[in-house]
Amino acid sequence: MAMQQADIEALIKAAMPDAQVTITALVDDGDHYSATVVSEAFRGKSRVQQHQLVYASLRGRMGGELHALALQTSAP
């Protein structure tokens, strides 16, 4: 089951309303994307913690509807 780019962005923004999110399809299959997420929520957090916040925002869809998400995260 595939996810749309807009759905991924909406889930991330619902969890981090200030986030600037850019989603790019890596393959045209709805399962492989890259995301750049910039949010104040990341300030003072390690890269692993930042990625965990993004994965948590996807509400369990990683590994199911969404197979792969390459992340670049940072604070503004």
Protein backbone atom coordinates (compact mmCIF):
# COMPACT_ATOMS: atom_id res chain seq x y z
CA MET A 1 0.00 0.00 0.00
CA ALA A 2 1.57 3.29 -1.10
CA MET A 3 1.55 6.76 0.45
CA GLN A 4 1.26 10.07 -1.34
CA GLN A 5 3.83 12.82 -0.79
CA ALA A 6 1.11 15.17 0.48
CA ASP A 7 0.04 12.62 3.10
CA ILE A 8 3.58 12.30 4.45
CA GLU A 9 3.94 16.08 4.61
CA ALA A 10 0.57 16.46 6.35
CA LEU A 11 1.45 13.90 9.04
CA ILE A 12 4.79 15.57 9.77
CA LYS A 13 3.21 19.04 9.90
CA ALA A 14 0.43 17.79 12.18
CA ALA A 15 3.08 16.73 14.70
CA MET A 16 5.39 19.72 14.11
CA PRO A 17 3.26 22.66 12.87
CA ASP A 18 6.28 24.94 12.37
CA ALA A 19 8.10 22.42 10.17
CA GLN A 20 9.29 23.25 6.70
CA VAL A 21 8.91 19.96 4.84
CA THR A 22 10.11 18.97 1.38
CA ILE A 23 9.24 15.48 0.15
CA THR A 24 10.83 13.99 -2.97
CA ALA A 25 9.95 10.68 -4.59
CA LEU A 26 13.07 8.55 -5.03
CA VAL A 27 11.25 5.97 -7.17
CA ASP A 28 7.82 6.25 -8.75
CA ASP A 29 6.30 3.53 -6.57
CA GLY A 30 4.82 5.48 -3.63
CA ASP A 31 7.09 3.62 -1.20
CA HIS A 32 10.48 5.36 -1.45
CA TYR A 33 10.89 9.03 -0.56
CA SER A 34 13.40 11.48 0.80
CA ALA A 35 12.36 14.22 3.19
CA THR A 36 14.01 17.39 4.37
CA VAL A 37 12.45 18.63 7.59
CA VAL A 38 13.43 21.85 9.37
CA SER A 39 11.75 22.46 12.73
CA GLU A 40 12.42 24.24 15.99
CA ALA A 41 11.43 20.95 17.67
CA PHE A 42 14.84 19.58 16.64
CA ARG A 43 16.89 22.22 18.48
CA GLY A 44 19.24 20.61 20.99
CA LYS A 45 18.37 17.08 19.88
CA SER A 46 20.75 14.55 18.35
CA ARG A 47 20.27 13.45 14.75
CA VAL A 48 18.84 10.13 15.98
CA GLN A 49 16.33 11.95 18.22
CA GLN A 50 15.34 14.22 15.33
CA HIS A 51 14.69 11.23 13.09
CA GLN A 52 12.72 9.51 15.85
CA LEU A 53 10.44 12.56 16.04
CA VAL A 54 9.76 12.34 12.30
CA TYR A 55 9.14 8.59 12.43
CA ALA A 56 6.77 9.07 15.39
CA SER A 57 4.83 11.65 13.38
CA LEU A 58 4.16 9.00 10.72
CA ARG A 59 2.10 7.04 13.27
CA GLY A 60 3.34 3.54 12.51
CA ARG A 61 3.24 3.80 8.72
CA MET A 62 7.02 3.25 8.33
CA GLY A 63 7.65 -0.30 7.21
CA GLY A 64 4.04 -0.70 6.08
CA GLU A 65 2.53 1.90 3.80
CA LEU A 66 5.89 3.65 3.57
CA HIS A 67 8.85 1.42 2.89
CA ALA A 68 11.75 3.89 2.85
CA LEU A 69 12.23 7.50 3.92
CA ALA A 70 15.68 9.06 3.66
CA LEU A 71 15.77 11.94 6.15
CA GLN A 72 17.65 15.19 6.44
CA THR A 73 16.63 17.09 9.56
CA SER A 74 17.77 20.30 11.20
CA ALA A 75 16.70 23.18 13.40
CA PRO A 76 16.22 26.56 11.69
